[in-house]
N, C-alpha and C. Protein backbone atom coordinates (compact mmCIF):
# COMPACT_ATOMS: atom_id res chain seq x y z
N MET A 1 0.22 -4.12 -4.92
CA MET A 1 -1.01 -3.83 -4.36
C MET A 1 -1.99 -3.32 -5.43
N TYR A 2 -1.55 -2.35 -6.17
CA TYR A 2 -2.46 -1.76 -7.27
C TYR A 2 -2.13 -2.25 -8.74
N GLN A 3 -1.19 -3.09 -8.86
CA GLN A 3 -0.68 -3.46 -10.19
C GLN A 3 -1.86 -4.13 -11.03
N HIS A 4 -2.59 -4.84 -10.46
CA HIS A 4 -3.88 -5.47 -11.22
C HIS A 4 -4.77 -4.35 -11.74
N ILE A 5 -4.92 -3.28 -11.02
CA ILE A 5 -5.67 -2.26 -11.51
C ILE A 5 -5.10 -1.49 -12.66
N TRP A 6 -3.79 -1.11 -12.49
CA TRP A 6 -2.97 -0.53 -13.58
C TRP A 6 -2.90 -1.26 -14.95
N VAL A 7 -2.97 -2.68 -14.72
CA VAL A 7 -2.94 -3.54 -15.95
C VAL A 7 -4.32 -3.34 -16.65
N LYS A 8 -5.36 -3.10 -16.02
CA LYS A 8 -6.67 -2.88 -16.60
C LYS A 8 -6.49 -1.67 -17.45
N TYR A 9 -5.82 -0.62 -17.11
CA TYR A 9 -5.76 0.64 -17.86
C TYR A 9 -4.59 0.69 -18.79
N LEU A 10 -3.77 -0.38 -18.84
CA LEU A 10 -2.54 -0.45 -19.69
C LEU A 10 -2.87 -0.17 -21.15
N PRO A 11 -3.80 -0.85 -21.70
CA PRO A 11 -3.96 -0.55 -23.35
C PRO A 11 -4.22 0.80 -23.60
N VAL A 12 -5.07 1.56 -22.78
CA VAL A 12 -5.33 2.95 -22.99
C VAL A 12 -4.14 3.74 -22.78
N ILE A 13 -3.43 3.49 -21.72
CA ILE A 13 -2.23 4.34 -21.39
C ILE A 13 -1.27 4.27 -22.55
N ARG A 14 -1.12 3.02 -23.10
CA ARG A 14 -0.12 2.74 -24.25
C ARG A 14 -0.50 3.60 -25.45
N ILE A 15 -1.83 3.70 -25.74
CA ILE A 15 -2.32 4.58 -26.87
C ILE A 15 -2.02 6.04 -26.54
N LEU A 16 -2.35 6.46 -25.34
CA LEU A 16 -2.22 7.84 -24.92
C LEU A 16 -0.65 8.25 -24.99
N MET A 17 0.10 7.31 -24.48
CA MET A 17 1.59 7.67 -24.54
C MET A 17 2.07 7.93 -26.01
N LYS A 18 1.54 6.97 -26.94
CA LYS A 18 1.93 7.27 -28.36
C LYS A 18 1.29 8.58 -28.93
N ARG A 19 0.17 8.90 -28.46
CA ARG A 19 -0.45 10.22 -29.07
C ARG A 19 0.12 11.47 -28.31
N SER A 20 0.78 11.27 -27.24
CA SER A 20 1.31 12.51 -26.40
C SER A 20 2.39 13.20 -27.21
N ALA A 21 2.94 12.53 -28.19
CA ALA A 21 3.98 13.27 -29.03
C ALA A 21 3.33 14.53 -29.61
N SER A 22 1.95 14.43 -30.00
CA SER A 22 1.30 15.60 -30.71
C SER A 22 0.54 16.51 -29.67
N GLY A 23 0.66 16.17 -28.37
CA GLY A 23 -0.11 16.98 -27.42
C GLY A 23 -0.27 16.16 -26.10
N ASP A 24 -0.50 16.94 -25.02
CA ASP A 24 -0.81 16.32 -23.65
C ASP A 24 -2.04 15.52 -23.81
N GLN A 25 -2.05 14.36 -23.06
CA GLN A 25 -3.20 13.41 -23.06
C GLN A 25 -3.70 13.25 -21.61
N SER A 26 -4.88 13.02 -21.43
CA SER A 26 -5.48 12.63 -20.12
C SER A 26 -6.34 11.53 -20.10
N LEU A 27 -6.58 10.94 -18.98
CA LEU A 27 -7.40 9.74 -18.71
C LEU A 27 -8.04 9.92 -17.37
N ASP A 28 -9.42 9.83 -17.33
CA ASP A 28 -10.15 9.89 -16.24
C ASP A 28 -10.18 8.39 -15.63
N LEU A 29 -9.70 8.12 -14.52
CA LEU A 29 -9.68 6.87 -13.89
C LEU A 29 -11.07 6.62 -13.05
N ASN A 30 -11.32 5.49 -12.88
CA ASN A 30 -12.43 5.13 -11.92
C ASN A 30 -12.05 5.10 -10.55
N LYS A 31 -12.39 6.07 -9.78
CA LYS A 31 -12.00 6.07 -8.31
C LYS A 31 -12.30 4.66 -7.54
N SER A 32 -13.54 4.22 -7.93
CA SER A 32 -14.00 3.05 -7.14
C SER A 32 -13.05 1.89 -7.35
N ASP A 33 -12.35 1.72 -8.59
CA ASP A 33 -11.40 0.64 -8.83
C ASP A 33 -10.29 0.74 -7.73
N PHE A 34 -9.85 1.89 -7.42
CA PHE A 34 -8.79 2.05 -6.42
C PHE A 34 -9.31 1.88 -4.99
N GLU A 35 -10.51 2.26 -4.72
CA GLU A 35 -11.12 2.06 -3.40
C GLU A 35 -11.29 0.49 -3.20
N LYS A 36 -11.66 -0.20 -4.14
CA LYS A 36 -11.70 -1.69 -4.01
C LYS A 36 -10.43 -2.35 -3.85
N GLY A 37 -9.39 -1.83 -4.40
CA GLY A 37 -8.00 -2.38 -4.39
C GLY A 37 -7.31 -2.17 -3.12
N GLY A 38 -7.71 -1.32 -2.32
CA GLY A 38 -6.97 -0.94 -1.06
C GLY A 38 -7.43 0.27 -0.42
N VAL A 39 -6.56 0.69 0.54
CA VAL A 39 -6.86 1.91 1.28
C VAL A 39 -6.71 3.18 0.52
N ILE A 40 -7.69 4.08 0.43
CA ILE A 40 -7.48 5.25 -0.25
C ILE A 40 -7.64 6.46 0.82
N ARG A 41 -6.74 7.40 0.55
CA ARG A 41 -6.79 8.59 1.54
C ARG A 41 -8.03 9.33 1.00
N LYS A 42 -8.73 10.21 2.00
CA LYS A 42 -9.96 10.90 1.61
C LYS A 42 -9.50 11.87 0.48
N ALA A 43 -8.38 12.51 0.56
CA ALA A 43 -8.03 13.51 -0.37
C ALA A 43 -7.42 12.89 -1.70
N GLY A 44 -7.42 11.56 -1.72
CA GLY A 44 -6.95 11.02 -2.97
C GLY A 44 -5.46 10.85 -2.97
N TYR A 45 -4.87 10.52 -4.06
CA TYR A 45 -3.55 10.40 -4.31
C TYR A 45 -3.06 11.39 -5.36
N LYS A 46 -1.80 11.95 -5.21
CA LYS A 46 -1.33 12.80 -6.23
C LYS A 46 0.17 12.48 -6.33
N PHE A 47 0.70 12.28 -7.62
CA PHE A 47 2.03 11.94 -7.85
C PHE A 47 2.52 12.34 -9.32
N THR A 48 3.70 12.37 -9.45
CA THR A 48 4.35 12.63 -10.68
C THR A 48 5.45 11.51 -10.87
N ILE A 49 5.43 10.95 -12.08
CA ILE A 49 6.35 9.99 -12.50
C ILE A 49 7.18 10.59 -13.67
N VAL A 50 8.55 10.70 -13.58
CA VAL A 50 9.24 11.16 -14.71
C VAL A 50 10.09 10.08 -15.39
N PHE A 51 9.85 9.79 -16.56
CA PHE A 51 10.65 8.70 -17.20
C PHE A 51 11.65 9.42 -18.10
N SER A 52 13.00 9.13 -17.95
CA SER A 52 14.03 9.73 -18.68
C SER A 52 15.14 8.58 -18.81
N ARG A 53 15.59 8.46 -20.08
CA ARG A 53 16.69 7.44 -20.34
C ARG A 53 16.21 6.08 -20.04
N GLY A 54 14.85 5.77 -20.29
CA GLY A 54 14.48 4.44 -20.03
C GLY A 54 14.06 3.96 -18.84
N ARG A 55 14.12 5.03 -17.73
CA ARG A 55 13.87 4.55 -16.41
C ARG A 55 13.19 5.71 -15.61
N VAL A 56 12.71 5.40 -14.43
CA VAL A 56 12.15 6.50 -13.62
C VAL A 56 13.26 7.32 -13.05
N SER A 57 13.08 8.72 -13.26
CA SER A 57 14.21 9.55 -12.75
C SER A 57 13.90 10.42 -11.65
N ASN A 58 12.82 10.08 -10.89
CA ASN A 58 12.44 10.94 -9.78
C ASN A 58 12.07 9.96 -8.63
N VAL A 59 11.93 10.46 -7.42
CA VAL A 59 11.53 9.65 -6.27
C VAL A 59 9.97 9.62 -6.29
N ILE A 60 9.44 8.27 -6.26
CA ILE A 60 8.09 8.03 -6.36
C ILE A 60 7.64 7.26 -5.12
N SER A 61 8.16 7.23 -4.13
CA SER A 61 7.87 6.31 -3.00
C SER A 61 6.81 6.82 -2.10
N SER A 62 6.43 8.09 -2.37
CA SER A 62 5.36 8.76 -1.39
C SER A 62 4.12 8.15 -1.53
N SER A 63 3.74 7.44 -2.63
CA SER A 63 2.52 6.82 -2.76
C SER A 63 2.57 5.46 -3.40
N THR A 64 1.81 4.58 -2.85
CA THR A 64 1.82 3.20 -3.36
C THR A 64 1.37 3.02 -4.73
N LEU A 65 0.64 3.98 -5.28
CA LEU A 65 0.06 3.95 -6.67
C LEU A 65 1.18 4.19 -7.68
N ALA A 66 2.11 5.01 -7.39
CA ALA A 66 3.15 5.41 -8.40
C ALA A 66 4.14 4.34 -8.61
N PRO A 67 4.68 3.68 -7.61
CA PRO A 67 5.70 2.58 -7.95
C PRO A 67 5.00 1.44 -8.65
N ASP A 68 3.62 1.11 -8.32
CA ASP A 68 3.04 0.07 -8.99
C ASP A 68 2.75 0.47 -10.43
N LEU A 69 2.40 1.65 -10.77
CA LEU A 69 2.11 2.12 -12.13
C LEU A 69 3.39 1.98 -12.91
N ALA A 70 4.44 2.44 -12.24
CA ALA A 70 5.87 2.45 -12.97
C ALA A 70 6.33 1.07 -13.24
N ALA A 71 6.02 0.09 -12.40
CA ALA A 71 6.49 -1.26 -12.58
C ALA A 71 5.65 -1.94 -13.76
N VAL A 72 4.33 -1.59 -13.79
CA VAL A 72 3.45 -2.20 -14.85
C VAL A 72 3.88 -1.52 -16.10
N LEU A 73 4.23 -0.27 -16.14
CA LEU A 73 4.60 0.38 -17.57
C LEU A 73 5.91 -0.23 -17.98
N LEU A 74 6.92 -0.52 -17.07
CA LEU A 74 8.17 -0.89 -17.44
C LEU A 74 8.20 -2.45 -17.84
N GLN A 75 7.07 -3.12 -17.59
CA GLN A 75 7.00 -4.55 -17.88
C GLN A 75 6.38 -4.77 -19.20
N ASP A 76 5.66 -3.69 -19.74
CA ASP A 76 5.05 -3.84 -21.02
C ASP A 76 6.09 -3.47 -22.09
N PRO A 77 6.33 -4.42 -23.11
CA PRO A 77 7.31 -4.30 -24.02
C PRO A 77 7.26 -2.91 -24.93
N ALA A 78 5.98 -2.74 -25.35
CA ALA A 78 5.57 -1.47 -26.19
C ALA A 78 5.95 -0.21 -25.46
N ILE A 79 5.57 -0.18 -24.23
CA ILE A 79 5.67 1.11 -23.38
C ILE A 79 7.23 1.21 -23.04
N LYS A 80 7.86 0.05 -22.74
CA LYS A 80 9.29 0.03 -22.55
C LYS A 80 10.08 0.59 -23.59
N GLY A 81 9.67 0.31 -24.90
CA GLY A 81 10.30 0.78 -26.00
C GLY A 81 10.17 2.32 -26.14
N LEU A 82 8.87 2.77 -25.80
CA LEU A 82 8.65 4.23 -25.95
C LEU A 82 9.53 4.98 -24.85
N ILE A 83 9.57 4.43 -23.63
CA ILE A 83 10.35 5.04 -22.62
C ILE A 83 11.78 5.12 -22.98
N ALA A 84 12.33 4.03 -23.61
CA ALA A 84 13.67 3.93 -23.92
C ALA A 84 14.07 4.99 -24.95
N GLU A 85 13.11 5.48 -25.85
CA GLU A 85 13.39 6.47 -26.88
C GLU A 85 13.09 7.79 -26.55
N ASN A 86 12.09 8.00 -25.66
CA ASN A 86 11.38 9.35 -25.36
C ASN A 86 11.44 9.50 -23.87
N ASN A 87 11.20 10.85 -23.50
CA ASN A 87 11.03 11.30 -22.08
C ASN A 87 9.51 11.52 -21.79
N TYR A 88 8.99 11.19 -20.76
CA TYR A 88 7.54 11.39 -20.36
C TYR A 88 7.41 11.83 -19.01
N GLU A 89 6.34 12.53 -18.73
CA GLU A 89 5.94 12.80 -17.39
C GLU A 89 4.48 12.28 -17.15
N ILE A 90 4.24 11.54 -16.15
CA ILE A 90 2.89 11.03 -15.89
C ILE A 90 2.47 11.56 -14.50
N ASP A 91 1.29 12.24 -14.50
CA ASP A 91 0.79 12.82 -13.23
C ASP A 91 -0.57 12.32 -13.06
N LEU A 92 -0.81 12.04 -11.70
CA LEU A 92 -2.11 11.70 -11.17
C LEU A 92 -2.62 12.79 -10.22
N ASN A 93 -3.70 13.43 -10.47
CA ASN A 93 -4.15 14.49 -9.47
C ASN A 93 -5.21 13.81 -8.51
N THR A 94 -5.69 14.65 -7.62
CA THR A 94 -6.49 14.08 -6.49
C THR A 94 -7.89 13.71 -7.03
N ARG A 95 -8.24 14.10 -8.37
CA ARG A 95 -9.52 13.73 -8.80
C ARG A 95 -9.39 12.46 -9.86
N PHE A 96 -8.33 11.84 -9.59
CA PHE A 96 -8.02 10.57 -10.31
C PHE A 96 -8.03 10.72 -11.83
N GLN A 97 -7.38 11.87 -12.30
CA GLN A 97 -7.16 12.09 -13.69
C GLN A 97 -5.72 11.87 -13.88
N LEU A 98 -5.35 11.03 -14.91
CA LEU A 98 -3.99 10.75 -15.24
C LEU A 98 -3.57 11.61 -16.54
N ALA A 99 -2.56 12.50 -16.31
CA ALA A 99 -2.06 13.25 -17.42
C ALA A 99 -0.76 12.66 -18.02
N ILE A 100 -0.59 12.60 -19.18
CA ILE A 100 0.62 12.08 -19.89
C ILE A 100 1.18 13.10 -20.89
N ARG A 101 2.42 13.44 -20.52
CA ARG A 101 3.08 14.44 -21.24
C ARG A 101 4.45 13.98 -21.82
N TYR A 102 4.51 14.13 -23.23
CA TYR A 102 5.78 13.82 -23.92
C TYR A 102 6.60 15.02 -23.67
N THR A 103 7.86 14.72 -23.20
CA THR A 103 8.78 15.79 -22.85
C THR A 103 10.07 15.81 -23.77
N GLY A 104 9.97 14.98 -24.82
CA GLY A 104 11.10 15.06 -25.79
C GLY A 104 11.81 13.80 -25.98
N LYS A 105 12.61 13.74 -27.02
CA LYS A 105 13.38 12.58 -27.38
C LYS A 105 14.60 12.42 -26.47
N GLN A 106 15.13 11.19 -26.38
CA GLN A 106 16.33 10.93 -25.57
C GLN A 106 17.58 11.65 -26.33
N GLU A 107 18.41 12.14 -25.50
CA GLU A 107 19.69 12.81 -26.08
C GLU A 107 20.79 11.82 -26.10
């Protein structure tokens, strides 16, 4: 449902994931992109995706935005390589700000 929107942001997310090793990164998303793409709750959406050992390691089914973002990220070869080697947390807050945190190397 929202995958085509996440694909639009994919190049920037890829860069921010690479930069996150030196500090937390954030991206302000355009709320109207998501309003055009489907039904948005008045309060917006909020989720956290935890990538560990090359895959999503937490439950993300509470929001349709989260599984779509995870699917787009795991389909991108460059990001899939980053996720295979490193751990990340990606958060979306109700103001449509995406935060990307590098949480360490794979053990």
